[in-house]
Amino acid sequence: MDVLVALGIPIVVLGLVYLLINDGSGFPLWLERLTNRSGVIWTYSVIIIAVISIIKYASSN
């Protein structure tokens, strides 16, 4: 049952997002702005993940 929930919820969410984008109007304005800054988002995401991993590792010892 847990596997069904773990896989089913993301598939439903992605399906709904696909239907919203595919309605012929293209991407919403906020999503276009977000994709223009994708490099910045990736950079900060990797930095945040690295910092959290270091903090977790340091606190476990």
PDB file of N, CA and C in Angstrom:
ATOM      1  N   MET A   1       0.820  -1.194   0.000  1.00  0.00           N
ATOM      2  CA  MET A   1       0.000   0.000   0.000  1.00  0.00           C
ATOM      3  C   MET A   1       0.864   1.259   0.000  1.00  0.00           C
ATOM      4  N   ASP A   2       1.986   1.215   0.755  1.00  0.00           N
ATOM      5  CA  ASP A   2       2.862   2.375   0.809  1.00  0.00           C
ATOM      6  C   ASP A   2       3.477   2.682  -0.557  1.00  0.00           C
ATOM      7  N   VAL A   3       3.812   1.635  -1.299  1.00  0.00           N
ATOM      8  CA  VAL A   3       4.389   1.827  -2.624  1.00  0.00           C
ATOM      9  C   VAL A   3       3.368   2.475  -3.556  1.00  0.00           C
ATOM     10  N   LEU A   4       2.131   2.049  -3.442  1.00  0.00           N
ATOM     11  CA  LEU A   4       1.074   2.632  -4.267  1.00  0.00           C
ATOM     12  C   LEU A   4       0.911   4.119  -3.973  1.00  0.00           C
ATOM     13  N   VAL A   5       0.939   4.487  -2.724  1.00  0.00           N
ATOM     14  CA  VAL A   5       0.826   5.898  -2.349  1.00  0.00           C
ATOM     15  C   VAL A   5       2.075   6.665  -2.785  1.00  0.00           C
ATOM     16  N   ALA A   6       3.253   6.064  -2.568  1.00  0.00           N
ATOM     17  CA  ALA A   6       4.498   6.741  -2.905  1.00  0.00           C
ATOM     18  C   ALA A   6       4.637   6.976  -4.404  1.00  0.00           C
ATOM     19  N   LEU A   7       4.111   6.088  -5.210  1.00  0.00           N
ATOM     20  CA  LEU A   7       4.180   6.260  -6.664  1.00  0.00           C
ATOM     21  C   LEU A   7       2.934   6.938  -7.228  1.00  0.00           C
ATOM     22  N   GLY A   8       1.790   6.684  -6.614  1.00  0.00           N
ATOM     23  CA  GLY A   8       0.538   7.196  -7.148  1.00  0.00           C
ATOM     24  C   GLY A   8       0.381   8.696  -7.012  1.00  0.00           C
ATOM     25  N   ILE A   9       0.735   9.251  -5.865  1.00  0.00           N
ATOM     26  CA  ILE A   9       0.569  10.689  -5.651  1.00  0.00           C
ATOM     27  C   ILE A   9       1.423  11.512  -6.612  1.00  0.00           C
ATOM     28  N   PRO A  10       2.718  11.212  -6.776  1.00  0.00           N
ATOM     29  CA  PRO A  10       3.499  11.993  -7.747  1.00  0.00           C
ATOM     30  C   PRO A  10       2.988  11.850  -9.184  1.00  0.00           C
ATOM     31  N   ILE A  11       2.529  10.664  -9.554  1.00  0.00           N
ATOM     32  CA  ILE A  11       2.019  10.479 -10.913  1.00  0.00           C
ATOM     33  C   ILE A  11       0.760  11.309 -11.129  1.00  0.00           C
ATOM     34  N   VAL A  12      -0.110  11.333 -10.133  1.00  0.00           N
ATOM     35  CA  VAL A  12      -1.330  12.144 -10.246  1.00  0.00           C
ATOM     36  C   VAL A  12      -0.986  13.631 -10.324  1.00  0.00           C
ATOM     37  N   VAL A  13      -0.068  14.075  -9.492  1.00  0.00           N
ATOM     38  CA  VAL A  13       0.325  15.493  -9.506  1.00  0.00           C
ATOM     39  C   VAL A  13       0.954  15.857 -10.850  1.00  0.00           C
ATOM     40  N   LEU A  14       1.867  15.019 -11.338  1.00  0.00           N
ATOM     41  CA  LEU A  14       2.487  15.301 -12.637  1.00  0.00           C
ATOM     42  C   LEU A  14       1.461  15.276 -13.759  1.00  0.00           C
ATOM     43  N   GLY A  15       0.496  14.372 -13.683  1.00  0.00           N
ATOM     44  CA  GLY A  15      -0.561  14.327 -14.687  1.00  0.00           C
ATOM     45  C   GLY A  15      -1.400  15.587 -14.684  1.00  0.00           C
ATOM     46  N   LEU A  16      -1.737  16.088 -13.500  1.00  0.00           N
ATOM     47  CA  LEU A  16      -2.514  17.326 -13.417  1.00  0.00           C
ATOM     48  C   LEU A  16      -1.726  18.522 -13.935  1.00  0.00           C
ATOM     49  N   VAL A  17      -0.436  18.573 -13.602  1.00  0.00           N
ATOM     50  CA  VAL A  17       0.409  19.656 -14.100  1.00  0.00           C
ATOM     51  C   VAL A  17       0.511  19.585 -15.616  1.00  0.00           C
ATOM     52  N   TYR A  18       0.649  18.393 -16.148  1.00  0.00           N
ATOM     53  CA  TYR A  18       0.704  18.229 -17.601  1.00  0.00           C
ATOM     54  C   TYR A  18      -0.575  18.718 -18.253  1.00  0.00           C
ATOM     55  N   LEU A  19      -1.707  18.389 -17.675  1.00  0.00           N
ATOM     56  CA  LEU A  19      -2.981  18.839 -18.231  1.00  0.00           C
ATOM     57  C   LEU A  19      -3.124  20.355 -18.168  1.00  0.00           C
ATOM     58  N   LEU A  20      -2.634  20.963 -17.102  1.00  0.00           N
ATOM     59  CA  LEU A  20      -2.702  22.421 -16.996  1.00  0.00           C
ATOM     60  C   LEU A  20      -1.817  23.111 -18.039  1.00  0.00           C
ATOM     61  N   ILE A  21      -0.635  22.551 -18.276  1.00  0.00           N
ATOM     62  CA  ILE A  21       0.291  23.158 -19.237  1.00  0.00           C
ATOM     63  C   ILE A  21      -0.145  22.872 -20.659  1.00  0.00           C
ATOM     64  N   ASN A  22      -0.718  21.709 -20.893  1.00  0.00           N
ATOM     65  CA  ASN A  22      -1.038  21.274 -22.243  1.00  0.00           C
ATOM     66  C   ASN A  22      -2.393  21.793 -22.735  1.00  0.00           C
ATOM     67  N   ASP A  23      -2.997  22.714 -22.052  1.00  0.00           N
ATOM     68  CA  ASP A  23      -4.316  23.196 -22.455  1.00  0.00           C
ATOM     69  C   ASP A  23      -4.257  24.163 -23.631  1.00  0.00           C
ATOM     70  N   GLY A  24      -3.085  24.402 -24.181  1.00  0.00           N
ATOM     71  CA  GLY A  24      -2.962  25.240 -25.362  1.00  0.00           C
ATOM     72  C   GLY A  24      -2.490  26.651 -25.066  1.00  0.00           C
ATOM     73  N   SER A  25      -2.484  27.042 -23.810  1.00  0.00           N
ATOM     74  CA  SER A  25      -2.065  28.401 -23.479  1.00  0.00           C
ATOM     75  C   SER A  25      -0.572  28.491 -23.202  1.00  0.00           C
ATOM     76  N   GLY A  26       0.108  27.387 -23.226  1.00  0.00           N
ATOM     77  CA  GLY A  26       1.542  27.382 -22.966  1.00  0.00           C
ATOM     78  C   GLY A  26       1.837  27.435 -21.481  1.00  0.00           C
ATOM     79  N   PHE A  27       3.064  27.786 -21.167  1.00  0.00           N
ATOM     80  CA  PHE A  27       3.471  27.856 -19.773  1.00  0.00           C
ATOM     81  C   PHE A  27       2.921  29.115 -19.119  1.00  0.00           C
ATOM     82  N   PRO A  28       2.574  29.009 -17.851  1.00  0.00           N
ATOM     83  CA  PRO A  28       2.178  30.213 -17.129  1.00  0.00           C
ATOM     84  C   PRO A  28       3.372  31.164 -17.001  1.00  0.00           C
ATOM     85  N   LEU A  29       3.089  32.434 -16.769  1.00  0.00           N
ATOM     86  CA  LEU A  29       4.141  33.442 -16.701  1.00  0.00           C
ATOM     87  C   LEU A  29       5.136  33.147 -15.589  1.00  0.00           C
ATOM     88  N   TRP A  30       4.661  32.696 -14.427  1.00  0.00           N
ATOM     89  CA  TRP A  30       5.561  32.426 -13.314  1.00  0.00           C
ATOM     90  C   TRP A  30       6.509  31.277 -13.633  1.00  0.00           C
ATOM     91  N   LEU A  31       6.039  30.298 -14.412  1.00  0.00           N
ATOM     92  CA  LEU A  31       6.886  29.171 -14.771  1.00  0.00           C
ATOM     93  C   LEU A  31       7.928  29.580 -15.804  1.00  0.00           C
ATOM     94  N   GLU A  32       7.574  30.480 -16.721  1.00  0.00           N
ATOM     95  CA  GLU A  32       8.548  30.982 -17.684  1.00  0.00           C
ATOM     96  C   GLU A  32       9.648  31.764 -16.982  1.00  0.00           C
ATOM     97  N   ARG A  33       9.280  32.560 -15.991  1.00  0.00           N
ATOM     98  CA  ARG A  33      10.301  33.294 -15.228  1.00  0.00           C
ATOM     99  C   ARG A  33      11.204  32.341 -14.470  1.00  0.00           C
ATOM    100  N   LEU A  34      10.607  31.286 -13.928  1.00  0.00           N
ATOM    101  CA  LEU A  34      11.385  30.311 -13.164  1.00  0.00           C
ATOM    102  C   LEU A  34      12.380  29.576 -14.055  1.00  0.00           C
ATOM    103  N   THR A  35      11.979  29.222 -15.271  1.00  0.00           N
ATOM    104  CA  THR A  35      12.887  28.499 -16.158  1.00  0.00           C
ATOM    105  C   THR A  35      14.004  29.393 -16.683  1.00  0.00           C
ATOM    106  N   ASN A  36      13.790  30.691 -16.709  1.00  0.00           N
ATOM    107  CA  ASN A  36      14.852  31.601 -17.122  1.00  0.00           C
ATOM    108  C   ASN A  36      15.972  31.644 -16.099  1.00  0.00           C
ATOM    109  N   ARG A  37      15.658  31.319 -14.849  1.00  0.00           N
ATOM    110  CA  ARG A  37      16.658  31.350 -13.782  1.00  0.00           C
ATOM    111  C   ARG A  37      17.034  29.951 -13.321  1.00  0.00           C
ATOM    112  N   SER A  38      16.910  28.962 -14.153  1.00  0.00           N
ATOM    113  CA  SER A  38      17.128  27.584 -13.723  1.00  0.00           C
ATOM    114  C   SER A  38      18.569  27.328 -13.292  1.00  0.00           C
ATOM    115  N   GLY A  39      19.529  28.014 -13.893  1.00  0.00           N
ATOM    116  CA  GLY A  39      20.919  27.833 -13.489  1.00  0.00           C
ATOM    117  C   GLY A  39      21.154  28.273 -12.061  1.00  0.00           C
ATOM    118  N   VAL A  40      20.561  29.380 -11.687  1.00  0.00           N
ATOM    119  CA  VAL A  40      20.691  29.879 -10.322  1.00  0.00           C
ATOM    120  C   VAL A  40      20.027  28.927  -9.340  1.00  0.00           C
ATOM    121  N   ILE A  41      18.871  28.427  -9.710  1.00  0.00           N
ATOM    122  CA  ILE A  41      18.155  27.504  -8.829  1.00  0.00           C
ATOM    123  C   ILE A  41      18.958  26.229  -8.615  1.00  0.00           C
ATOM    124  N   TRP A  42      19.531  25.681  -9.683  1.00  0.00           N
ATOM    125  CA  TRP A  42      20.347  24.469  -9.557  1.00  0.00           C
ATOM    126  C   TRP A  42      21.562  24.723  -8.675  1.00  0.00           C
ATOM    127  N   THR A  43      22.222  25.846  -8.872  1.00  0.00           N
ATOM    128  CA  THR A  43      23.425  26.160  -8.097  1.00  0.00           C
ATOM    129  C   THR A  43      23.111  26.246  -6.611  1.00  0.00           C
ATOM    130  N   TYR A  44      22.104  27.027  -6.262  1.00  0.00           N
ATOM    131  CA  TYR A  44      21.755  27.172  -4.853  1.00  0.00           C
ATOM    132  C   TYR A  44      21.210  25.872  -4.267  1.00  0.00           C
ATOM    133  N   SER A  45      20.518  25.095  -5.050  1.00  0.00           N
ATOM    134  CA  SER A  45      20.006  23.812  -4.555  1.00  0.00           C
ATOM    135  C   SER A  45      21.149  22.866  -4.210  1.00  0.00           C
ATOM    136  N   VAL A  46      22.146  22.800  -5.061  1.00  0.00           N
ATOM    137  CA  VAL A  46      23.296  21.927  -4.790  1.00  0.00           C
ATOM    138  C   VAL A  46      24.049  22.410  -3.559  1.00  0.00           C
ATOM    139  N   ILE A  47      24.203  23.725  -3.421  1.00  0.00           N
ATOM    140  CA  ILE A  47      24.892  24.273  -2.249  1.00  0.00           C
ATOM    141  C   ILE A  47      24.119  23.954  -0.975  1.00  0.00           C
ATOM    142  N   ILE A  48      22.798  24.118  -1.008  1.00  0.00           N
ATOM    143  CA  ILE A  48      21.978  23.841   0.174  1.00  0.00           C
ATOM    144  C   ILE A  48      22.044  22.366   0.536  1.00  0.00           C
ATOM    145  N   ILE A  49      21.963  21.485  -0.455  1.00  0.00           N
ATOM    146  CA  ILE A  49      22.051  20.048  -0.179  1.00  0.00           C
ATOM    147  C   ILE A  49      23.406  19.696   0.418  1.00  0.00           C
ATOM    148  N   ALA A  50      24.471  20.291  -0.096  1.00  0.00           N
ATOM    149  CA  ALA A  50      25.804  20.019   0.440  1.00  0.00           C
ATOM    150  C   ALA A  50      25.931  20.503   1.883  1.00  0.00           C
ATOM    151  N   VAL A  51      25.431  21.692   2.164  1.00  0.00           N
ATOM    152  CA  VAL A  51      25.513  22.228   3.527  1.00  0.00           C
ATOM    153  C   VAL A  51      24.699  21.372   4.496  1.00  0.00           C
ATOM    154  N   ILE A  52      23.501  20.982   4.097  1.00  0.00           N
ATOM    155  CA  ILE A  52      22.683  20.127   4.959  1.00  0.00           C
ATOM    156  C   ILE A  52      23.373  18.786   5.200  1.00  0.00           C
ATOM    157  N   SER A  53      23.998  18.229   4.169  1.00  0.00           N
ATOM    158  CA  SER A  53      24.707  16.956   4.334  1.00  0.00           C
ATOM    159  C   SER A  53      25.881  17.100   5.288  1.00  0.00           C
ATOM    160  N   ILE A  54      26.599  18.198   5.193  1.00  0.00           N
ATOM    161  CA  ILE A  54      27.738  18.422   6.094  1.00  0.00           C
ATOM    162  C   ILE A  54      27.254  18.581   7.527  1.00  0.00           C
ATOM    163  N   ILE A  55      26.186  19.339   7.726  1.00  0.00           N
ATOM    164  CA  ILE A  55      25.638  19.526   9.067  1.00  0.00           C
ATOM    165  C   ILE A  55      25.152  18.190   9.639  1.00  0.00           C
ATOM    166  N   LYS A  56      24.472  17.405   8.813  1.00  0.00           N
ATOM    167  CA  LYS A  56      23.990  16.105   9.278  1.00  0.00           C
ATOM    168  C   LYS A  56      25.150  15.192   9.632  1.00  0.00           C
ATOM    169  N   TYR A  57      26.185  15.171   8.809  1.00  0.00           N
ATOM    170  CA  TYR A  57      27.343  14.326   9.076  1.00  0.00           C
ATOM    171  C   TYR A  57      28.054  14.779  10.354  1.00  0.00           C
ATOM    172  N   ALA A  58      28.209  16.098  10.520  1.00  0.00           N
ATOM    173  CA  ALA A  58      28.913  16.620  11.695  1.00  0.00           C
ATOM    174  C   ALA A  58      28.121  16.375  12.972  1.00  0.00           C
ATOM    175  N   SER A  59      26.810  16.400  12.899  1.00  0.00           N
ATOM    176  CA  SER A  59      26.013  16.199  14.107  1.00  0.00           C
ATOM    177  C   SER A  59      25.878  14.736  14.494  1.00  0.00           C
ATOM    178  N   SER A  60      26.141  13.826  13.566  1.00  0.00           N
ATOM    179  CA  SER A  60      26.013  12.398  13.879  1.00  0.00           C
ATOM    180  C   SER A  60      27.240  11.847  14.585  1.00  0.00           C
ATOM    181  N   ASN A  61      28.332  12.558  14.555  1.00  0.00           N
ATOM    182  CA  ASN A  61      29.567  12.070  15.197  1.00  0.00           C
ATOM    183  C   ASN A  61      29.717  12.604  16.575  1.00  0.00           C
TER     184      ASN A  61
END
